[in-house]
N, C-alpha and C. Protein backbone atom coordinates (compact mmCIF):
# COMPACT_ATOMS: atom_id res chain seq x y z
N UNK A 1 -3.81 0.66 21.99
CA UNK A 1 -2.96 0.39 20.84
C UNK A 1 -2.99 1.63 19.95
N UNK A 2 -3.05 1.45 18.69
CA UNK A 2 -2.99 2.56 17.75
C UNK A 2 -4.26 3.40 17.84
N UNK A 3 -4.09 4.69 18.05
CA UNK A 3 -5.25 5.59 18.19
C UNK A 3 -5.67 6.15 16.84
N UNK A 4 -4.95 5.80 15.79
CA UNK A 4 -5.27 6.32 14.46
C UNK A 4 -5.38 5.15 13.48
N UNK A 5 -5.80 5.48 12.29
CA UNK A 5 -5.87 4.47 11.23
C UNK A 5 -4.48 4.13 10.73
N UNK A 6 -4.37 2.97 10.07
CA UNK A 6 -3.12 2.53 9.49
C UNK A 6 -3.32 2.35 8.00
N UNK A 7 -2.44 2.93 7.21
CA UNK A 7 -2.51 2.86 5.77
C UNK A 7 -1.25 2.17 5.26
N UNK A 8 -1.43 1.12 4.45
CA UNK A 8 -0.30 0.36 3.92
C UNK A 8 -0.06 0.77 2.47
N UNK A 9 1.21 1.09 2.18
CA UNK A 9 1.60 1.49 0.82
C UNK A 9 2.75 0.62 0.36
N UNK A 10 2.96 0.54 -0.94
CA UNK A 10 4.06 -0.22 -1.50
C UNK A 10 3.76 -0.66 -2.91
N UNK A 11 4.73 -1.28 -3.55
CA UNK A 11 4.56 -1.76 -4.92
C UNK A 11 3.41 -2.76 -5.00
N UNK A 12 2.83 -2.92 -6.19
CA UNK A 12 1.85 -3.99 -6.39
C UNK A 12 2.50 -5.32 -6.01
N UNK A 13 1.80 -6.13 -5.22
CA UNK A 13 2.35 -7.44 -4.87
C UNK A 13 3.27 -7.44 -3.66
N UNK A 14 3.38 -6.31 -2.94
CA UNK A 14 4.26 -6.27 -1.78
C UNK A 14 3.61 -6.85 -0.53
N UNK A 15 2.36 -7.23 -0.62
CA UNK A 15 1.67 -7.86 0.53
C UNK A 15 0.72 -6.98 1.27
N UNK A 16 0.39 -5.82 0.73
CA UNK A 16 -0.44 -4.86 1.45
C UNK A 16 -1.81 -5.44 1.87
N UNK A 17 -2.47 -6.11 0.95
CA UNK A 17 -3.80 -6.65 1.26
C UNK A 17 -3.73 -7.78 2.28
N UNK A 18 -2.80 -8.70 2.07
CA UNK A 18 -2.66 -9.85 2.97
C UNK A 18 -2.28 -9.38 4.38
N UNK A 19 -1.26 -8.53 4.47
CA UNK A 19 -0.82 -8.01 5.76
C UNK A 19 -1.93 -7.15 6.37
N UNK A 20 -2.58 -6.34 5.55
CA UNK A 20 -3.62 -5.46 6.04
C UNK A 20 -4.77 -6.19 6.69
N UNK A 21 -5.20 -7.28 6.06
CA UNK A 21 -6.29 -8.09 6.65
C UNK A 21 -5.90 -8.61 8.01
N UNK A 22 -4.70 -9.15 8.11
CA UNK A 22 -4.23 -9.70 9.38
C UNK A 22 -4.05 -8.61 10.45
N UNK A 23 -3.49 -7.48 10.02
CA UNK A 23 -3.29 -6.37 10.94
C UNK A 23 -4.62 -5.85 11.48
N UNK A 24 -5.59 -5.70 10.60
CA UNK A 24 -6.92 -5.24 11.03
C UNK A 24 -7.53 -6.19 12.03
N UNK A 25 -7.39 -7.49 11.77
CA UNK A 25 -7.90 -8.51 12.70
C UNK A 25 -7.20 -8.34 14.06
N UNK A 26 -5.88 -8.18 14.03
CA UNK A 26 -5.09 -8.07 15.28
C UNK A 26 -5.48 -6.80 16.06
N UNK A 27 -5.76 -5.70 15.33
CA UNK A 27 -6.11 -4.44 16.02
C UNK A 27 -7.61 -4.26 16.22
N UNK A 28 -8.39 -5.25 15.80
CA UNK A 28 -9.85 -5.20 15.89
C UNK A 28 -10.41 -3.95 15.21
N UNK A 29 -9.89 -3.71 14.00
CA UNK A 29 -10.36 -2.57 13.20
C UNK A 29 -10.92 -3.08 11.88
N UNK A 30 -11.80 -2.32 11.24
CA UNK A 30 -12.27 -2.71 9.92
C UNK A 30 -11.13 -2.59 8.90
N UNK A 31 -11.18 -3.44 7.87
CA UNK A 31 -10.19 -3.45 6.82
C UNK A 31 -10.81 -3.08 5.49
N UNK A 32 -10.10 -2.24 4.72
CA UNK A 32 -10.53 -1.87 3.38
C UNK A 32 -9.35 -2.01 2.43
N UNK A 33 -9.58 -2.60 1.30
CA UNK A 33 -8.61 -2.65 0.22
C UNK A 33 -9.12 -1.64 -0.81
N UNK A 34 -8.39 -0.54 -1.00
CA UNK A 34 -8.89 0.54 -1.86
C UNK A 34 -9.18 0.05 -3.28
N UNK A 35 -8.37 -0.88 -3.80
CA UNK A 35 -8.64 -1.40 -5.13
C UNK A 35 -9.96 -2.17 -5.19
N UNK A 36 -10.26 -2.94 -4.15
CA UNK A 36 -11.53 -3.68 -4.11
C UNK A 36 -12.72 -2.74 -4.00
N UNK A 37 -12.56 -1.69 -3.21
CA UNK A 37 -13.65 -0.70 -3.09
C UNK A 37 -13.89 -0.06 -4.47
N UNK A 38 -12.82 0.26 -5.17
CA UNK A 38 -12.96 0.87 -6.50
C UNK A 38 -13.66 -0.10 -7.45
N UNK A 39 -13.24 -1.36 -7.43
CA UNK A 39 -13.88 -2.34 -8.32
C UNK A 39 -15.35 -2.52 -8.01
N UNK A 40 -15.71 -2.53 -6.73
CA UNK A 40 -17.13 -2.64 -6.35
C UNK A 40 -17.92 -1.47 -6.92
N UNK A 41 -17.36 -0.29 -6.83
CA UNK A 41 -18.05 0.89 -7.33
C UNK A 41 -18.17 0.90 -8.85
N UNK A 42 -17.12 0.43 -9.50
CA UNK A 42 -17.09 0.41 -10.96
C UNK A 42 -17.97 -0.71 -11.55
N UNK A 43 -18.07 -1.82 -10.82
CA UNK A 43 -18.79 -2.96 -11.35
C UNK A 43 -17.97 -3.72 -12.38
N UNK A 44 -16.65 -3.46 -12.44
CA UNK A 44 -15.76 -4.17 -13.32
C UNK A 44 -14.36 -4.15 -12.71
N UNK A 45 -13.44 -4.89 -13.31
CA UNK A 45 -12.08 -4.94 -12.78
C UNK A 45 -11.35 -3.63 -13.10
N UNK A 46 -10.34 -3.35 -12.31
CA UNK A 46 -9.49 -2.19 -12.56
C UNK A 46 -8.83 -2.33 -13.91
N UNK A 47 -8.45 -3.55 -14.25
CA UNK A 47 -7.80 -3.77 -15.53
C UNK A 47 -8.73 -3.35 -16.69
N UNK A 48 -10.00 -3.75 -16.62
CA UNK A 48 -10.96 -3.37 -17.67
C UNK A 48 -11.14 -1.87 -17.71
N UNK A 49 -11.25 -1.23 -16.56
CA UNK A 49 -11.44 0.20 -16.48
C UNK A 49 -10.22 0.93 -17.08
N UNK A 50 -9.03 0.45 -16.70
CA UNK A 50 -7.76 0.99 -17.21
C UNK A 50 -7.76 0.98 -18.73
N UNK A 51 -8.12 -0.17 -19.31
CA UNK A 51 -8.09 -0.33 -20.76
C UNK A 51 -9.11 0.58 -21.44
N UNK A 52 -10.28 0.74 -20.80
CA UNK A 52 -11.36 1.51 -21.39
C UNK A 52 -11.18 3.03 -21.19
N UNK A 53 -10.82 3.43 -19.97
CA UNK A 53 -10.79 4.85 -19.60
C UNK A 53 -9.40 5.46 -19.47
N UNK A 54 -8.40 4.62 -19.26
CA UNK A 54 -7.04 5.12 -19.11
C UNK A 54 -6.62 5.34 -17.67
N UNK A 55 -5.31 5.48 -17.48
CA UNK A 55 -4.75 5.58 -16.13
C UNK A 55 -5.17 6.87 -15.44
N UNK A 56 -5.20 7.99 -16.16
CA UNK A 56 -5.52 9.27 -15.54
C UNK A 56 -6.92 9.25 -14.90
N UNK A 57 -7.88 8.72 -15.62
CA UNK A 57 -9.24 8.62 -15.08
C UNK A 57 -9.29 7.71 -13.87
N UNK A 58 -8.52 6.62 -13.92
CA UNK A 58 -8.44 5.72 -12.77
C UNK A 58 -7.86 6.44 -11.56
N UNK A 59 -6.79 7.22 -11.78
CA UNK A 59 -6.14 7.92 -10.66
C UNK A 59 -7.10 8.94 -10.02
N UNK A 60 -7.97 9.56 -10.82
CA UNK A 60 -8.97 10.48 -10.27
C UNK A 60 -9.93 9.74 -9.35
N UNK A 61 -10.40 8.61 -9.80
CA UNK A 61 -11.32 7.81 -8.99
C UNK A 61 -10.63 7.30 -7.73
N UNK A 62 -9.39 6.84 -7.88
CA UNK A 62 -8.60 6.37 -6.74
C UNK A 62 -8.44 7.45 -5.70
N UNK A 63 -8.15 8.67 -6.12
CA UNK A 63 -7.98 9.79 -5.17
C UNK A 63 -9.28 10.04 -4.40
N UNK A 64 -10.40 9.98 -5.07
CA UNK A 64 -11.69 10.16 -4.42
C UNK A 64 -11.96 9.09 -3.38
N UNK A 65 -11.70 7.83 -3.74
CA UNK A 65 -11.93 6.71 -2.82
C UNK A 65 -10.97 6.81 -1.63
N UNK A 66 -9.72 7.14 -1.87
CA UNK A 66 -8.76 7.28 -0.76
C UNK A 66 -9.16 8.41 0.18
N UNK A 67 -9.62 9.51 -0.36
CA UNK A 67 -10.07 10.61 0.47
C UNK A 67 -11.19 10.13 1.41
N UNK A 68 -12.11 9.40 0.85
CA UNK A 68 -13.23 8.88 1.64
C UNK A 68 -12.77 7.88 2.71
N UNK A 69 -11.93 6.91 2.29
CA UNK A 69 -11.48 5.89 3.23
C UNK A 69 -10.60 6.44 4.35
N UNK A 70 -9.86 7.50 4.09
CA UNK A 70 -8.93 8.02 5.10
C UNK A 70 -9.56 9.09 5.99
N UNK A 71 -10.78 9.51 5.70
CA UNK A 71 -11.36 10.57 6.52
C UNK A 71 -12.47 10.06 7.44
N UNK A 72 -12.66 8.77 7.47
CA UNK A 72 -13.72 8.19 8.28
C UNK A 72 -13.22 7.67 9.60
N UNK A 73 -13.83 6.58 10.01
CA UNK A 73 -13.49 5.97 11.29
C UNK A 73 -12.14 5.29 11.21
N UNK A 74 -11.61 4.93 12.38
CA UNK A 74 -10.34 4.23 12.46
C UNK A 74 -10.43 2.92 11.72
N UNK A 75 -9.43 2.63 10.90
CA UNK A 75 -9.45 1.40 10.09
C UNK A 75 -8.04 1.13 9.57
N UNK A 76 -7.90 -0.01 8.89
CA UNK A 76 -6.68 -0.36 8.18
C UNK A 76 -7.03 -0.35 6.71
N UNK A 77 -6.23 0.35 5.92
CA UNK A 77 -6.48 0.46 4.48
C UNK A 77 -5.24 0.01 3.72
N UNK A 78 -5.42 -0.91 2.79
CA UNK A 78 -4.35 -1.25 1.87
C UNK A 78 -4.62 -0.44 0.61
N UNK A 79 -3.61 0.28 0.18
CA UNK A 79 -3.81 1.19 -0.97
C UNK A 79 -3.27 0.55 -2.22
N UNK A 80 -3.69 1.08 -3.37
CA UNK A 80 -3.14 0.63 -4.65
C UNK A 80 -1.69 1.07 -4.76
N UNK A 81 -0.88 0.32 -5.50
CA UNK A 81 0.52 0.61 -5.62
C UNK A 81 0.86 2.01 -6.13
N UNK A 82 -0.01 2.59 -6.96
CA UNK A 82 0.21 3.90 -7.52
C UNK A 82 -0.45 5.04 -6.78
N UNK A 83 -1.03 4.72 -5.64
CA UNK A 83 -1.77 5.77 -4.89
C UNK A 83 -0.91 6.96 -4.49
N UNK A 84 0.39 6.76 -4.37
CA UNK A 84 1.29 7.85 -3.94
C UNK A 84 1.68 8.78 -5.09
N UNK A 85 1.25 8.50 -6.31
CA UNK A 85 1.64 9.32 -7.43
C UNK A 85 1.04 10.74 -7.36
N UNK A 86 -0.09 10.87 -6.73
CA UNK A 86 -0.73 12.19 -6.61
C UNK A 86 -0.35 12.83 -5.28
N UNK A 87 0.11 14.08 -5.30
CA UNK A 87 0.53 14.76 -4.07
C UNK A 87 -0.59 14.81 -3.02
N UNK A 88 -1.83 15.03 -3.45
CA UNK A 88 -2.92 15.09 -2.47
C UNK A 88 -3.13 13.77 -1.75
N UNK A 89 -2.89 12.65 -2.41
CA UNK A 89 -2.99 11.35 -1.75
C UNK A 89 -1.88 11.20 -0.71
N UNK A 90 -0.67 11.56 -1.10
CA UNK A 90 0.46 11.45 -0.15
C UNK A 90 0.18 12.27 1.09
N UNK A 91 -0.30 13.49 0.90
CA UNK A 91 -0.55 14.38 2.01
C UNK A 91 -1.66 13.84 2.92
N UNK A 92 -2.75 13.41 2.32
CA UNK A 92 -3.89 12.89 3.10
C UNK A 92 -3.46 11.64 3.90
N UNK A 93 -2.80 10.72 3.23
CA UNK A 93 -2.38 9.49 3.93
C UNK A 93 -1.48 9.84 5.11
N UNK A 94 -0.47 10.67 4.88
CA UNK A 94 0.49 10.98 5.92
C UNK A 94 -0.16 11.72 7.09
N UNK A 95 -1.11 12.61 6.81
CA UNK A 95 -1.71 13.40 7.88
C UNK A 95 -2.85 12.70 8.62
N UNK A 96 -3.47 11.71 7.99
CA UNK A 96 -4.69 11.13 8.57
C UNK A 96 -4.47 9.80 9.26
N UNK A 97 -3.24 9.32 9.32
CA UNK A 97 -3.02 8.03 9.98
C UNK A 97 -1.55 7.67 9.98
N UNK A 98 -1.27 6.45 10.44
CA UNK A 98 0.09 5.92 10.42
C UNK A 98 0.28 5.20 9.10
N UNK A 99 1.30 5.60 8.35
CA UNK A 99 1.53 5.02 7.02
C UNK A 99 2.72 4.08 7.10
N UNK A 100 2.50 2.84 6.69
CA UNK A 100 3.54 1.82 6.70
C UNK A 100 3.87 1.46 5.24
N UNK A 101 5.11 1.63 4.89
CA UNK A 101 5.61 1.27 3.56
C UNK A 101 6.13 -0.15 3.64
N UNK A 102 5.42 -1.09 3.00
CA UNK A 102 5.91 -2.46 2.89
C UNK A 102 6.85 -2.50 1.69
N UNK A 103 8.13 -2.41 1.97
CA UNK A 103 9.13 -2.29 0.92
C UNK A 103 9.57 -3.66 0.43
N UNK A 104 9.33 -3.91 -0.85
CA UNK A 104 9.77 -5.11 -1.53
C UNK A 104 10.63 -4.71 -2.71
N UNK A 105 11.64 -5.49 -2.99
CA UNK A 105 12.45 -5.19 -4.18
C UNK A 105 11.65 -5.60 -5.41
N UNK A 106 11.96 -5.02 -6.56
CA UNK A 106 11.28 -5.43 -7.80
C UNK A 106 11.42 -6.92 -8.07
N UNK A 107 12.59 -7.50 -7.73
CA UNK A 107 12.82 -8.93 -7.95
C UNK A 107 11.88 -9.78 -7.08
N UNK A 108 11.70 -9.36 -5.81
CA UNK A 108 10.79 -10.10 -4.90
C UNK A 108 9.36 -10.05 -5.44
N UNK A 109 8.95 -8.89 -5.85
CA UNK A 109 7.59 -8.70 -6.37
C UNK A 109 7.42 -9.53 -7.65
N UNK A 110 8.42 -9.51 -8.50
CA UNK A 110 8.33 -10.28 -9.75
C UNK A 110 8.13 -11.77 -9.46
N UNK A 111 8.88 -12.29 -8.49
CA UNK A 111 8.73 -13.71 -8.11
C UNK A 111 7.30 -14.00 -7.68
N UNK A 112 6.70 -13.08 -6.93
CA UNK A 112 5.33 -13.29 -6.45
C UNK A 112 4.28 -13.12 -7.55
N UNK A 113 4.52 -12.22 -8.49
CA UNK A 113 3.49 -11.85 -9.45
C UNK A 113 3.69 -12.36 -10.87
N UNK A 114 4.73 -13.11 -11.12
CA UNK A 114 5.05 -13.42 -12.51
C UNK A 114 3.92 -14.14 -13.27
N UNK A 115 2.99 -14.79 -12.56
CA UNK A 115 1.89 -15.47 -13.25
C UNK A 115 0.56 -14.71 -13.11
N UNK A 116 0.57 -13.56 -12.47
CA UNK A 116 -0.65 -12.78 -12.24
C UNK A 116 -0.98 -11.98 -13.50
N UNK A 117 -2.15 -12.18 -14.03
CA UNK A 117 -2.56 -11.48 -15.26
C UNK A 117 -3.58 -10.37 -14.98
N UNK A 118 -3.79 -10.07 -13.71
CA UNK A 118 -4.81 -9.06 -13.36
C UNK A 118 -4.24 -7.72 -12.98
N UNK A 119 -2.97 -7.52 -13.15
CA UNK A 119 -2.35 -6.23 -12.79
C UNK A 119 -2.03 -5.48 -14.08
N UNK A 120 -2.81 -4.44 -14.38
CA UNK A 120 -2.67 -3.78 -15.69
C UNK A 120 -1.29 -3.24 -15.98
N UNK A 121 -0.61 -2.70 -14.99
CA UNK A 121 0.70 -2.10 -15.25
C UNK A 121 1.78 -3.14 -15.54
N UNK A 122 1.49 -4.40 -15.27
CA UNK A 122 2.51 -5.45 -15.47
C UNK A 122 2.25 -6.29 -16.72
N UNK A 123 1.26 -5.92 -17.50
CA UNK A 123 0.95 -6.63 -18.74
C UNK A 123 1.79 -6.06 -19.87
N UNK A 124 3.10 -6.26 -19.75
CA UNK A 124 4.05 -5.74 -20.72
C UNK A 124 5.04 -6.84 -21.06
N UNK A 125 5.86 -6.61 -22.08
CA UNK A 125 6.83 -7.61 -22.56
C UNK A 125 7.84 -7.99 -21.47
N UNK A 126 8.29 -7.01 -20.67
CA UNK A 126 9.29 -7.27 -19.64
C UNK A 126 8.78 -6.74 -18.28
N UNK A 127 7.96 -7.57 -17.58
CA UNK A 127 7.38 -7.09 -16.32
C UNK A 127 8.43 -6.77 -15.24
N UNK A 128 9.54 -7.50 -15.22
CA UNK A 128 10.57 -7.20 -14.22
C UNK A 128 11.12 -5.80 -14.44
N UNK A 129 11.42 -5.46 -15.68
CA UNK A 129 11.91 -4.12 -15.97
C UNK A 129 10.85 -3.09 -15.61
N UNK A 130 9.60 -3.40 -15.89
CA UNK A 130 8.51 -2.49 -15.54
C UNK A 130 8.48 -2.27 -14.02
N UNK A 131 8.66 -3.33 -13.24
CA UNK A 131 8.69 -3.20 -11.76
C UNK A 131 9.90 -2.38 -11.32
N UNK A 132 11.02 -2.55 -11.99
CA UNK A 132 12.20 -1.73 -11.65
C UNK A 132 11.92 -0.26 -11.94
N UNK A 133 11.27 0.01 -13.05
CA UNK A 133 10.92 1.39 -13.40
C UNK A 133 9.93 1.98 -12.40
N UNK A 134 8.91 1.18 -12.03
CA UNK A 134 7.93 1.64 -11.03
C UNK A 134 8.62 1.94 -9.71
N UNK A 135 9.52 1.03 -9.31
CA UNK A 135 10.23 1.19 -8.05
C UNK A 135 11.07 2.49 -8.06
N UNK A 136 11.76 2.73 -9.16
CA UNK A 136 12.60 3.91 -9.25
C UNK A 136 11.79 5.20 -9.04
N UNK A 137 10.60 5.24 -9.60
CA UNK A 137 9.74 6.43 -9.48
C UNK A 137 9.05 6.46 -8.11
N UNK A 138 8.55 5.33 -7.67
CA UNK A 138 7.68 5.31 -6.49
C UNK A 138 8.39 5.18 -5.14
N UNK A 139 9.53 4.52 -5.07
CA UNK A 139 10.20 4.34 -3.78
C UNK A 139 10.40 5.65 -3.05
N UNK A 140 10.88 6.73 -3.70
CA UNK A 140 11.03 8.00 -2.97
C UNK A 140 9.67 8.55 -2.50
N UNK A 141 8.62 8.30 -3.26
CA UNK A 141 7.28 8.78 -2.86
C UNK A 141 6.74 7.96 -1.70
N UNK A 142 6.97 6.65 -1.72
CA UNK A 142 6.57 5.80 -0.59
C UNK A 142 7.30 6.26 0.67
N UNK A 143 8.58 6.52 0.57
CA UNK A 143 9.36 6.93 1.72
C UNK A 143 8.89 8.29 2.24
N UNK A 144 8.60 9.21 1.33
CA UNK A 144 8.12 10.54 1.73
C UNK A 144 6.79 10.44 2.47
N UNK A 145 5.94 9.53 2.07
CA UNK A 145 4.59 9.41 2.62
C UNK A 145 4.57 8.64 3.94
N UNK A 146 5.48 7.69 4.09
CA UNK A 146 5.39 6.77 5.23
C UNK A 146 5.93 7.33 6.54
N UNK A 147 5.43 6.73 7.60
CA UNK A 147 5.98 6.95 8.95
C UNK A 147 6.98 5.84 9.28
N UNK A 148 6.70 4.64 8.72
CA UNK A 148 7.53 3.46 8.98
C UNK A 148 7.80 2.72 7.69
N UNK A 149 9.00 2.19 7.55
CA UNK A 149 9.36 1.36 6.40
C UNK A 149 9.68 -0.04 6.91
N UNK A 150 8.98 -1.03 6.36
CA UNK A 150 9.20 -2.41 6.78
C UNK A 150 9.63 -3.20 5.54
N UNK A 151 10.79 -3.84 5.63
CA UNK A 151 11.30 -4.66 4.55
C UNK A 151 10.52 -5.98 4.56
N UNK A 152 9.91 -6.33 3.45
CA UNK A 152 9.07 -7.54 3.42
C UNK A 152 9.88 -8.80 3.21
N UNK A 153 11.05 -8.70 2.61
CA UNK A 153 11.98 -9.83 2.41
C UNK A 153 11.42 -11.22 2.65
N UNK A 154 11.87 -11.83 3.71
CA UNK A 154 11.50 -13.22 3.99
C UNK A 154 10.52 -13.43 5.13
N UNK A 155 10.21 -12.45 5.97
CA UNK A 155 9.34 -12.71 7.11
C UNK A 155 7.95 -13.17 6.68
N UNK A 156 7.35 -13.96 7.58
CA UNK A 156 5.96 -14.39 7.36
C UNK A 156 5.03 -13.21 7.55
N UNK A 157 3.80 -13.39 7.12
CA UNK A 157 2.78 -12.35 7.31
C UNK A 157 2.62 -12.05 8.81
N UNK A 158 2.57 -13.09 9.62
CA UNK A 158 2.42 -12.88 11.08
C UNK A 158 3.57 -12.05 11.63
N UNK A 159 4.79 -12.32 11.16
CA UNK A 159 5.94 -11.56 11.64
C UNK A 159 5.85 -10.11 11.20
N UNK A 160 5.41 -9.88 9.95
CA UNK A 160 5.26 -8.50 9.47
C UNK A 160 4.22 -7.76 10.30
N UNK A 161 3.12 -8.40 10.61
CA UNK A 161 2.09 -7.78 11.45
C UNK A 161 2.67 -7.48 12.83
N UNK A 162 3.42 -8.40 13.41
CA UNK A 162 4.06 -8.15 14.71
C UNK A 162 4.99 -6.97 14.67
N UNK A 163 5.76 -6.82 13.58
CA UNK A 163 6.68 -5.71 13.45
C UNK A 163 5.94 -4.38 13.35
N UNK A 164 4.82 -4.38 12.65
CA UNK A 164 4.02 -3.13 12.55
C UNK A 164 3.45 -2.76 13.90
N UNK A 165 2.88 -3.75 14.59
CA UNK A 165 2.33 -3.48 15.92
C UNK A 165 3.42 -2.98 16.87
N UNK A 166 4.59 -3.60 16.78
CA UNK A 166 5.71 -3.16 17.63
C UNK A 166 6.10 -1.72 17.32
N UNK A 167 6.09 -1.34 16.06
CA UNK A 167 6.40 0.04 15.70
C UNK A 167 5.38 1.00 16.29
N UNK A 168 4.11 0.60 16.25
CA UNK A 168 3.06 1.45 16.84
C UNK A 168 3.32 1.61 18.34
N UNK A 169 3.69 0.53 19.00
CA UNK A 169 3.95 0.59 20.43
C UNK A 169 5.18 1.44 20.76
N UNK A 170 6.23 1.29 19.93
CA UNK A 170 7.47 2.04 20.18
C UNK A 170 7.34 3.51 19.79
N UNK A 171 6.64 3.77 18.70
CA UNK A 171 6.59 5.12 18.15
C UNK A 171 5.29 5.84 18.43
N UNK A 172 4.49 5.34 19.31
CA UNK A 172 3.19 5.99 19.55
C UNK A 172 2.26 5.71 18.40
N UNK A 173 1.57 6.74 17.93
CA UNK A 173 0.55 6.56 16.91
C UNK A 173 1.09 6.75 15.52
N UNK A 174 2.38 6.99 15.39
CA UNK A 174 2.94 7.17 14.04
C UNK A 174 2.93 8.62 13.62
N UNK A 175 2.69 9.52 14.56
CA UNK A 175 2.63 10.92 14.23
C UNK A 175 4.02 11.57 14.10
N UNK A 176 5.05 10.78 14.40
CA UNK A 176 6.41 11.34 14.32
C UNK A 176 6.74 11.77 12.92
N UNK A 177 7.55 12.80 12.80
CA UNK A 177 7.91 13.30 11.49
C UNK A 177 8.94 12.40 10.80
N UNK A 178 9.78 11.74 11.55
CA UNK A 178 10.84 10.93 10.95
C UNK A 178 10.29 9.58 10.49
N UNK A 179 10.86 9.06 9.44
CA UNK A 179 10.53 7.72 9.00
C UNK A 179 11.52 6.75 9.67
N UNK A 180 10.95 5.66 10.22
CA UNK A 180 11.76 4.69 10.91
C UNK A 180 11.82 3.43 10.07
N UNK A 181 13.03 2.96 9.79
CA UNK A 181 13.17 1.76 8.97
C UNK A 181 13.41 0.54 9.82
N UNK A 182 12.84 -0.55 9.39
CA UNK A 182 13.08 -1.85 10.05
C UNK A 182 13.53 -2.78 8.96
N UNK A 183 14.70 -3.33 9.11
CA UNK A 183 15.19 -4.26 8.10
C UNK A 183 15.11 -5.66 8.71
N UNK A 184 14.25 -6.50 8.14
CA UNK A 184 14.08 -7.83 8.67
C UNK A 184 14.91 -8.87 7.95
N UNK A 185 15.73 -8.44 7.02
CA UNK A 185 16.60 -9.37 6.28
C UNK A 185 17.65 -9.94 7.24
N UNK A 186 18.02 -11.21 7.07
CA UNK A 186 19.05 -11.82 7.96
C UNK A 186 20.40 -11.17 7.76
């Protein structure tokens, strides 16, 4: 199967952790959620750290954790939604494994997250507008970083995992330069 690690990127709430856990199980690889690794190291939630130290300090820590997670053994890593903001993260992810962009529209993410109070970037008066703003900035970065783009739309987690595995089988290890899109919308 996949001879390299798989890194999942996308907006907060696009399903990276859920899909990543299932994909790791399917590929018999260890799974890491970069946000959970960061929280374990901090001893507090990302939201608390964000409020106390600010986004810039968080992004420094995130870059360090991603460097560590992507340079080790083969694994599946779900990244934080803003991990692509730093050029060094985009480069490391793209060069060290197969990167899958789980693309969700801001409206889909809003439906999933509208009651979630643990996402610091969404604790604003208009979270849907915030998601649209995040998408406008990050979508081009996700596309630049990824080897494959998978539309999360309506498919089940199992179907998304199947589509990722199929892409690995069709495209080899994901080392291709071109980004391949899969649209699962009816």
